[in-house]
Amino acid sequence: MSTLWSILIAILVGALIGWLAGILMKSKHGFWMNCLLGIIGGAVGSAIGSFLKIGGGWVVSLLLGIAGTVIVIAVVRLIMGKKW
């Protein structure tokens, strides 16, 4: 698969993860902000997985992405206050 397709798929999956994490965290960021946080959270989850040497299929990657996004949303709430 080409690098461009890999990046596009990563962005789309990150947006999906952001949407799911926004529902789990009852976030009031709005759809687009949740998608952006999901993309960032996917990278955070991937870094956590690499650090802990957790790898596997797409299910593990999805769960790590959701965990990373939940962490990102929690950090944003700490910095920005409860309204976020």
PDB file of N, CA and C in Angstrom:
ATOM      1  N   MET A   1       0.849  -1.170   0.000  1.00  0.00           N
ATOM      2  CA  MET A   1       0.000   0.000   0.000  1.00  0.00           C
ATOM      3  C   MET A   1       0.900   1.241   0.000  1.00  0.00           C
ATOM      4  N   SER A   2       0.502   2.238  -0.743  1.00  0.00           N
ATOM      5  CA  SER A   2       1.331   3.429  -0.833  1.00  0.00           C
ATOM      6  C   SER A   2       1.261   4.238   0.466  1.00  0.00           C
ATOM      7  N   THR A   3       2.260   5.059   0.666  1.00  0.00           N
ATOM      8  CA  THR A   3       2.334   5.887   1.865  1.00  0.00           C
ATOM      9  C   THR A   3       1.150   6.837   1.946  1.00  0.00           C
ATOM     10  N   LEU A   4       0.722   7.400   0.821  1.00  0.00           N
ATOM     11  CA  LEU A   4      -0.402   8.330   0.802  1.00  0.00           C
ATOM     12  C   LEU A   4      -1.677   7.651   1.285  1.00  0.00           C
ATOM     13  N   TRP A   5      -1.927   6.433   0.818  1.00  0.00           N
ATOM     14  CA  TRP A   5      -3.103   5.691   1.260  1.00  0.00           C
ATOM     15  C   TRP A   5      -3.016   5.362   2.744  1.00  0.00           C
ATOM     16  N   SER A   6      -1.846   5.002   3.220  1.00  0.00           N
ATOM     17  CA  SER A   6      -1.665   4.695   4.642  1.00  0.00           C
ATOM     18  C   SER A   6      -1.974   5.910   5.502  1.00  0.00           C
ATOM     19  N   ILE A   7      -1.513   7.069   5.081  1.00  0.00           N
ATOM     20  CA  ILE A   7      -1.772   8.303   5.831  1.00  0.00           C
ATOM     21  C   ILE A   7      -3.262   8.631   5.806  1.00  0.00           C
ATOM     22  N   LEU A   8      -3.895   8.489   4.651  1.00  0.00           N
ATOM     23  CA  LEU A   8      -5.322   8.764   4.533  1.00  0.00           C
ATOM     24  C   LEU A   8      -6.143   7.839   5.422  1.00  0.00           C
ATOM     25  N   ILE A   9      -5.806   6.571   5.428  1.00  0.00           N
ATOM     26  CA  ILE A   9      -6.517   5.608   6.277  1.00  0.00           C
ATOM     27  C   ILE A   9      -6.290   5.928   7.748  1.00  0.00           C
ATOM     28  N   ALA A  10      -5.068   6.288   8.129  1.00  0.00           N
ATOM     29  CA  ALA A  10      -4.779   6.647   9.515  1.00  0.00           C
ATOM     30  C   ALA A  10      -5.599   7.857   9.952  1.00  0.00           C
ATOM     31  N   ILE A  11      -5.748   8.845   9.078  1.00  0.00           N
ATOM     32  CA  ILE A  11      -6.544  10.027   9.402  1.00  0.00           C
ATOM     33  C   ILE A  11      -8.017   9.666   9.563  1.00  0.00           C
ATOM     34  N   LEU A  12      -8.541   8.848   8.658  1.00  0.00           N
ATOM     35  CA  LEU A  12      -9.948   8.452   8.747  1.00  0.00           C
ATOM     36  C   LEU A  12     -10.227   7.613   9.989  1.00  0.00           C
ATOM     37  N   VAL A  13      -9.340   6.693  10.301  1.00  0.00           N
ATOM     38  CA  VAL A  13      -9.509   5.873  11.502  1.00  0.00           C
ATOM     39  C   VAL A  13      -9.374   6.745  12.748  1.00  0.00           C
ATOM     40  N   GLY A  14      -8.438   7.701  12.736  1.00  0.00           N
ATOM     41  CA  GLY A  14      -8.298   8.624  13.859  1.00  0.00           C
ATOM     42  C   GLY A  14      -9.556   9.437  14.075  1.00  0.00           C
ATOM     43  N   ALA A  15     -10.182   9.872  12.991  1.00  0.00           N
ATOM     44  CA  ALA A  15     -11.433  10.620  13.101  1.00  0.00           C
ATOM     45  C   ALA A  15     -12.534   9.747  13.701  1.00  0.00           C
ATOM     46  N   LEU A  16     -12.617   8.499  13.277  1.00  0.00           N
ATOM     47  CA  LEU A  16     -13.596   7.566  13.850  1.00  0.00           C
ATOM     48  C   LEU A  16     -13.331   7.348  15.328  1.00  0.00           C
ATOM     49  N   ILE A  17     -12.081   7.171  15.683  1.00  0.00           N
ATOM     50  CA  ILE A  17     -11.700   6.977  17.078  1.00  0.00           C
ATOM     51  C   ILE A  17     -12.071   8.209  17.906  1.00  0.00           C
ATOM     52  N   GLY A  18     -11.834   9.399  17.365  1.00  0.00           N
ATOM     53  CA  GLY A  18     -12.199  10.624  18.067  1.00  0.00           C
ATOM     54  C   GLY A  18     -13.689  10.716  18.320  1.00  0.00           C
ATOM     55  N   TRP A  19     -14.465  10.325  17.327  1.00  0.00           N
ATOM     56  CA  TRP A  19     -15.912  10.325  17.475  1.00  0.00           C
ATOM     57  C   TRP A  19     -16.342   9.353  18.581  1.00  0.00           C
ATOM     58  N   LEU A  20     -15.776   8.138  18.573  1.00  0.00           N
ATOM     59  CA  LEU A  20     -16.107   7.142  19.599  1.00  0.00           C
ATOM     60  C   LEU A  20     -15.668   7.601  20.993  1.00  0.00           C
ATOM     61  N   ALA A  21     -14.457   8.131  21.099  1.00  0.00           N
ATOM     62  CA  ALA A  21     -13.963   8.599  22.397  1.00  0.00           C
ATOM     63  C   ALA A  21     -14.778   9.790  22.881  1.00  0.00           C
ATOM     64  N   GLY A  22     -15.226  10.643  21.968  1.00  0.00           N
ATOM     65  CA  GLY A  22     -16.079  11.766  22.346  1.00  0.00           C
ATOM     66  C   GLY A  22     -17.379  11.286  22.963  1.00  0.00           C
ATOM     67  N   ILE A  23     -17.930  10.204  22.421  1.00  0.00           N
ATOM     68  CA  ILE A  23     -19.146   9.619  22.996  1.00  0.00           C
ATOM     69  C   ILE A  23     -18.840   9.034  24.369  1.00  0.00           C
ATOM     70  N   LEU A  24     -17.737   8.293  24.494  1.00  0.00           N
ATOM     71  CA  LEU A  24     -17.370   7.677  25.778  1.00  0.00           C
ATOM     72  C   LEU A  24     -17.125   8.717  26.860  1.00  0.00           C
ATOM     73  N   MET A  25     -16.489   9.830  26.482  1.00  0.00           N
ATOM     74  CA  MET A  25     -16.125  10.871  27.454  1.00  0.00           C
ATOM     75  C   MET A  25     -17.212  11.942  27.593  1.00  0.00           C
ATOM     76  N   LYS A  26     -18.321  11.776  26.877  1.00  0.00           N
ATOM     77  CA  LYS A  26     -19.403  12.763  26.866  1.00  0.00           C
ATOM     78  C   LYS A  26     -18.852  14.164  26.592  1.00  0.00           C
ATOM     79  N   SER A  27     -18.017  14.224  25.582  1.00  0.00           N
ATOM     80  CA  SER A  27     -17.334  15.452  25.209  1.00  0.00           C
ATOM     81  C   SER A  27     -18.286  16.411  24.510  1.00  0.00           C
ATOM     82  N   LYS A  28     -18.081  17.687  24.740  1.00  0.00           N
ATOM     83  CA  LYS A  28     -18.886  18.712  24.098  1.00  0.00           C
ATOM     84  C   LYS A  28     -18.049  19.512  23.096  1.00  0.00           C
ATOM     85  N   HIS A  29     -16.998  18.905  22.577  1.00  0.00           N
ATOM     86  CA  HIS A  29     -16.106  19.584  21.649  1.00  0.00           C
ATOM     87  C   HIS A  29     -16.731  19.792  20.281  1.00  0.00           C
ATOM     88  N   GLY A  30     -17.635  18.973  19.918  1.00  0.00           N
ATOM     89  CA  GLY A  30     -18.176  19.002  18.563  1.00  0.00           C
ATOM     90  C   GLY A  30     -17.498  17.934  17.718  1.00  0.00           C
ATOM     91  N   PHE A  31     -18.148  17.600  16.632  1.00  0.00           N
ATOM     92  CA  PHE A  31     -17.679  16.509  15.786  1.00  0.00           C
ATOM     93  C   PHE A  31     -16.268  16.740  15.255  1.00  0.00           C
ATOM     94  N   TRP A  32     -15.995  17.904  14.676  1.00  0.00           N
ATOM     95  CA  TRP A  32     -14.701  18.139  14.041  1.00  0.00           C
ATOM     96  C   TRP A  32     -13.561  18.185  15.040  1.00  0.00           C
ATOM     97  N   MET A  33     -13.801  18.777  16.207  1.00  0.00           N
ATOM     98  CA  MET A  33     -12.753  18.807  17.231  1.00  0.00           C
ATOM     99  C   MET A  33     -12.485  17.392  17.744  1.00  0.00           C
ATOM    100  N   ASN A  34     -13.540  16.602  17.918  1.00  0.00           N
ATOM    101  CA  ASN A  34     -13.345  15.213  18.341  1.00  0.00           C
ATOM    102  C   ASN A  34     -12.544  14.435  17.291  1.00  0.00           C
ATOM    103  N   CYS A  35     -12.794  14.700  16.026  1.00  0.00           N
ATOM    104  CA  CYS A  35     -12.023  14.039  14.966  1.00  0.00           C
ATOM    105  C   CYS A  35     -10.557  14.433  15.047  1.00  0.00           C
ATOM    106  N   LEU A  36     -10.289  15.719  15.236  1.00  0.00           N
ATOM    107  CA  LEU A  36      -8.904  16.182  15.360  1.00  0.00           C
ATOM    108  C   LEU A  36      -8.230  15.568  16.586  1.00  0.00           C
ATOM    109  N   LEU A  37      -8.936  15.563  17.713  1.00  0.00           N
ATOM    110  CA  LEU A  37      -8.377  14.949  18.924  1.00  0.00           C
ATOM    111  C   LEU A  37      -8.176  13.445  18.729  1.00  0.00           C
ATOM    112  N   GLY A  38      -9.028  12.817  17.932  1.00  0.00           N
ATOM    113  CA  GLY A  38      -8.879  11.396  17.632  1.00  0.00           C
ATOM    114  C   GLY A  38      -7.629  11.106  16.825  1.00  0.00           C
ATOM    115  N   ILE A  39      -7.326  11.983  15.888  1.00  0.00           N
ATOM    116  CA  ILE A  39      -6.112  11.812  15.094  1.00  0.00           C
ATOM    117  C   ILE A  39      -4.885  11.962  15.985  1.00  0.00           C
ATOM    118  N   ILE A  40      -4.901  12.971  16.839  1.00  0.00           N
ATOM    119  CA  ILE A  40      -3.792  13.164  17.793  1.00  0.00           C
ATOM    120  C   ILE A  40      -3.741  12.001  18.775  1.00  0.00           C
ATOM    121  N   GLY A  41      -4.906  11.593  19.276  1.00  0.00           N
ATOM    122  CA  GLY A  41      -4.982  10.486  20.226  1.00  0.00           C
ATOM    123  C   GLY A  41      -4.525   9.167  19.632  1.00  0.00           C
ATOM    124  N   GLY A  42      -4.769   8.974  18.335  1.00  0.00           N
ATOM    125  CA  GLY A  42      -4.277   7.764  17.661  1.00  0.00           C
ATOM    126  C   GLY A  42      -2.761   7.699  17.693  1.00  0.00           C
ATOM    127  N   ALA A  43      -2.134   8.864  17.490  1.00  0.00           N
ATOM    128  CA  ALA A  43      -0.660   8.913  17.555  1.00  0.00           C
ATOM    129  C   ALA A  43      -0.188   8.654  18.986  1.00  0.00           C
ATOM    130  N   VAL A  44      -0.910   9.223  19.971  1.00  0.00           N
ATOM    131  CA  VAL A  44      -0.549   8.996  21.378  1.00  0.00           C
ATOM    132  C   VAL A  44      -0.708   7.519  21.725  1.00  0.00           C
ATOM    133  N   GLY A  45      -1.817   6.923  21.309  1.00  0.00           N
ATOM    134  CA  GLY A  45      -2.042   5.500  21.575  1.00  0.00           C
ATOM    135  C   GLY A  45      -0.998   4.618  20.918  1.00  0.00           C
ATOM    136  N   SER A  46      -0.606   4.970  19.719  1.00  0.00           N
ATOM    137  CA  SER A  46       0.437   4.222  19.023  1.00  0.00           C
ATOM    138  C   SER A  46       1.769   4.324  19.765  1.00  0.00           C
ATOM    139  N   ALA A  47       2.081   5.526  20.258  1.00  0.00           N
ATOM    140  CA  ALA A  47       3.318   5.704  21.023  1.00  0.00           C
ATOM    141  C   ALA A  47       3.285   4.895  22.319  1.00  0.00           C
ATOM    142  N   ILE A  48       2.140   4.881  22.974  1.00  0.00           N
ATOM    143  CA  ILE A  48       1.998   4.094  24.209  1.00  0.00           C
ATOM    144  C   ILE A  48       2.178   2.610  23.899  1.00  0.00           C
ATOM    145  N   GLY A  49       1.557   2.148  22.811  1.00  0.00           N
ATOM    146  CA  GLY A  49       1.702   0.751  22.408  1.00  0.00           C
ATOM    147  C   GLY A  49       3.138   0.378  22.104  1.00  0.00           C
ATOM    148  N   SER A  50       3.847   1.273  21.430  1.00  0.00           N
ATOM    149  CA  SER A  50       5.259   1.021  21.129  1.00  0.00           C
ATOM    150  C   SER A  50       6.093   0.986  22.404  1.00  0.00           C
ATOM    151  N   PHE A  51       5.821   1.918  23.316  1.00  0.00           N
ATOM    152  CA  PHE A  51       6.567   1.976  24.572  1.00  0.00           C
ATOM    153  C   PHE A  51       6.347   0.722  25.402  1.00  0.00           C
ATOM    154  N   LEU A  52       5.091   0.247  25.457  1.00  0.00           N
ATOM    155  CA  LEU A  52       4.766  -0.948  26.245  1.00  0.00           C
ATOM    156  C   LEU A  52       4.961  -2.245  25.465  1.00  0.00           C
ATOM    157  N   LYS A  53       5.414  -2.115  24.204  1.00  0.00           N
ATOM    158  CA  LYS A  53       5.631  -3.267  23.322  1.00  0.00           C
ATOM    159  C   LYS A  53       4.350  -4.079  23.122  1.00  0.00           C
ATOM    160  N   ILE A  54       3.240  -3.327  22.973  1.00  0.00           N
ATOM    161  CA  ILE A  54       1.946  -3.939  22.688  1.00  0.00           C
ATOM    162  C   ILE A  54       1.705  -3.774  21.202  1.00  0.00           C
ATOM    163  N   GLY A  55       1.439  -4.847  20.546  1.00  0.00           N
ATOM    164  CA  GLY A  55       1.177  -4.787  19.113  1.00  0.00           C
ATOM    165  C   GLY A  55       0.202  -5.873  18.745  1.00  0.00           C
ATOM    166  N   GLY A  56      -0.158  -5.894  17.541  1.00  0.00           N
ATOM    167  CA  GLY A  56      -1.086  -6.920  17.107  1.00  0.00           C
ATOM    168  C   GLY A  56      -1.881  -6.424  15.930  1.00  0.00           C
ATOM    169  N   GLY A  57      -3.056  -6.915  15.834  1.00  0.00           N
ATOM    170  CA  GLY A  57      -3.907  -6.591  14.702  1.00  0.00           C
ATOM    171  C   GLY A  57      -4.593  -5.250  14.834  1.00  0.00           C
ATOM    172  N   TRP A  58      -5.578  -5.084  13.999  1.00  0.00           N
ATOM    173  CA  TRP A  58      -6.283  -3.814  13.946  1.00  0.00           C
ATOM    174  C   TRP A  58      -7.121  -3.568  15.190  1.00  0.00           C
ATOM    175  N   VAL A  59      -7.572  -4.632  15.875  1.00  0.00           N
ATOM    176  CA  VAL A  59      -8.368  -4.456  17.097  1.00  0.00           C
ATOM    177  C   VAL A  59      -7.513  -3.822  18.181  1.00  0.00           C
ATOM    178  N   VAL A  60      -6.293  -4.300  18.352  1.00  0.00           N
ATOM    179  CA  VAL A  60      -5.378  -3.731  19.349  1.00  0.00           C
ATOM    180  C   VAL A  60      -5.074  -2.277  18.994  1.00  0.00           C
ATOM    181  N   SER A  61      -4.847  -2.008  17.729  1.00  0.00           N
ATOM    182  CA  SER A  61      -4.569  -0.637  17.291  1.00  0.00           C
ATOM    183  C   SER A  61      -5.760   0.273  17.550  1.00  0.00           C
ATOM    184  N   LEU A  62      -6.956  -0.227  17.298  1.00  0.00           N
ATOM    185  CA  LEU A  62      -8.167   0.557  17.556  1.00  0.00           C
ATOM    186  C   LEU A  62      -8.321   0.858  19.042  1.00  0.00           C
ATOM    187  N   LEU A  63      -8.111  -0.141  19.881  1.00  0.00           N
ATOM    188  CA  LEU A  63      -8.222   0.055  21.332  1.00  0.00           C
ATOM    189  C   LEU A  63      -7.163   1.013  21.859  1.00  0.00           C
ATOM    190  N   LEU A  64      -5.938   0.898  21.339  1.00  0.00           N
ATOM    191  CA  LEU A  64      -4.882   1.836  21.729  1.00  0.00           C
ATOM    192  C   LEU A  64      -5.217   3.253  21.279  1.00  0.00           C
ATOM    193  N   GLY A  65      -5.799   3.378  20.106  1.00  0.00           N
ATOM    194  CA  GLY A  65      -6.200   4.685  19.607  1.00  0.00           C
ATOM    195  C   GLY A  65      -7.283   5.310  20.463  1.00  0.00           C
ATOM    196  N   ILE A  66      -8.272   4.512  20.871  1.00  0.00           N
ATOM    197  CA  ILE A  66      -9.327   5.015  21.750  1.00  0.00           C
ATOM    198  C   ILE A  66      -8.743   5.425  23.089  1.00  0.00           C
ATOM    199  N   ALA A  67      -7.855   4.595  23.650  1.00  0.00           N
ATOM    200  CA  ALA A  67      -7.216   4.932  24.928  1.00  0.00           C
ATOM    201  C   ALA A  67      -6.402   6.227  24.808  1.00  0.00           C
ATOM    202  N   GLY A  68      -5.656   6.364  23.730  1.00  0.00           N
ATOM    203  CA  GLY A  68      -4.875   7.576  23.517  1.00  0.00           C
ATOM    204  C   GLY A  68      -5.752   8.804  23.394  1.00  0.00           C
ATOM    205  N   THR A  69      -6.883   8.667  22.710  1.00  0.00           N
ATOM    206  CA  THR A  69      -7.792   9.793  22.537  1.00  0.00           C
ATOM    207  C   THR A  69      -8.474  10.171  23.848  1.00  0.00           C
ATOM    208  N   VAL A  70      -8.830   9.176  24.644  1.00  0.00           N
ATOM    209  CA  VAL A  70      -9.399   9.461  25.966  1.00  0.00           C
ATOM    210  C   VAL A  70      -8.388  10.236  26.805  1.00  0.00           C
ATOM    211  N   ILE A  71      -7.125   9.857  26.721  1.00  0.00           N
ATOM    212  CA  ILE A  71      -6.069  10.575  27.443  1.00  0.00           C
ATOM    213  C   ILE A  71      -5.956  12.008  26.940  1.00  0.00           C
ATOM    214  N   VAL A  72      -5.981  12.187  25.625  1.00  0.00           N
ATOM    215  CA  VAL A  72      -5.873  13.538  25.050  1.00  0.00           C
ATOM    216  C   VAL A  72      -7.058  14.400  25.479  1.00  0.00           C
ATOM    217  N   ILE A  73      -8.277  13.854  25.438  1.00  0.00           N
ATOM    218  CA  ILE A  73      -9.458  14.609  25.860  1.00  0.00           C
ATOM    219  C   ILE A  73      -9.357  14.975  27.335  1.00  0.00           C
ATOM    220  N   ALA A  74      -8.887  14.042  28.168  1.00  0.00           N
ATOM    221  CA  ALA A  74      -8.732  14.331  29.597  1.00  0.00           C
ATOM    222  C   ALA A  74      -7.711  15.446  29.830  1.00  0.00           C
ATOM    223  N   VAL A  75      -6.614  15.425  29.087  1.00  0.00           N
ATOM    224  CA  VAL A  75      -5.594  16.470  29.227  1.00  0.00           C
ATOM    225  C   VAL A  75      -6.146  17.821  28.770  1.00  0.00           C
ATOM    226  N   VAL A  76      -6.883  17.825  27.662  1.00  0.00           N
ATOM    227  CA  VAL A  76      -7.486  19.074  27.190  1.00  0.00           C
ATOM    228  C   VAL A  76      -8.456  19.611  28.227  1.00  0.00           C
ATOM    229  N   ARG A  77      -9.229  18.728  28.855  1.00  0.00           N
ATOM    230  CA  ARG A  77     -10.155  19.176  29.903  1.00  0.00           C
ATOM    231  C   ARG A  77      -9.410  19.758  31.105  1.00  0.00           C
ATOM    232  N   LEU A  78      -8.295  19.153  31.461  1.00  0.00           N
ATOM    233  CA  LEU A  78      -7.494  19.684  32.581  1.00  0.00           C
ATOM    234  C   LEU A  78      -6.971  21.080  32.266  1.00  0.00           C
ATOM    235  N   ILE A  79      -6.529  21.274  31.043  1.00  0.00           N
ATOM    236  CA  ILE A  79      -5.947  22.559  30.648  1.00  0.00           C
ATOM    237  C   ILE A  79      -7.030  23.607  30.426  1.00  0.00           C
ATOM    238  N   MET A  80      -8.083  23.246  29.731  1.00  0.00           N
ATOM    239  CA  MET A  80      -9.101  24.214  29.314  1.00  0.00           C
ATOM    240  C   MET A  80     -10.250  24.376  30.298  1.00  0.00           C
ATOM    241  N   GLY A  81     -10.388  23.454  31.220  1.00  0.00           N
ATOM    242  CA  GLY A  81     -11.478  23.532  32.183  1.00  0.00           C
ATOM    243  C   GLY A  81     -12.604  22.562  31.837  1.00  0.00           C
ATOM    244  N   LYS A  82     -13.579  22.487  32.695  1.00  0.00           N
ATOM    245  CA  LYS A  82     -14.671  21.511  32.576  1.00  0.00           C
ATOM    246  C   LYS A  82     -15.536  21.721  31.340  1.00  0.00           C
ATOM    247  N   LYS A  83     -15.652  22.964  30.852  1.00  0.00           N
ATOM    248  CA  LYS A  83     -16.520  23.204  29.705  1.00  0.00           C
ATOM    249  C   LYS A  83     -16.104  22.393  28.487  1.00  0.00           C
ATOM    250  N   TRP A  84     -14.852  21.966  28.440  1.00  0.00           N
ATOM    251  CA  TRP A  84     -14.362  21.159  27.338  1.00  0.00           C
ATOM    252  C   TRP A  84     -14.662  19.739  27.627  1.00  0.00           C
TER     253      TRP A  84
END
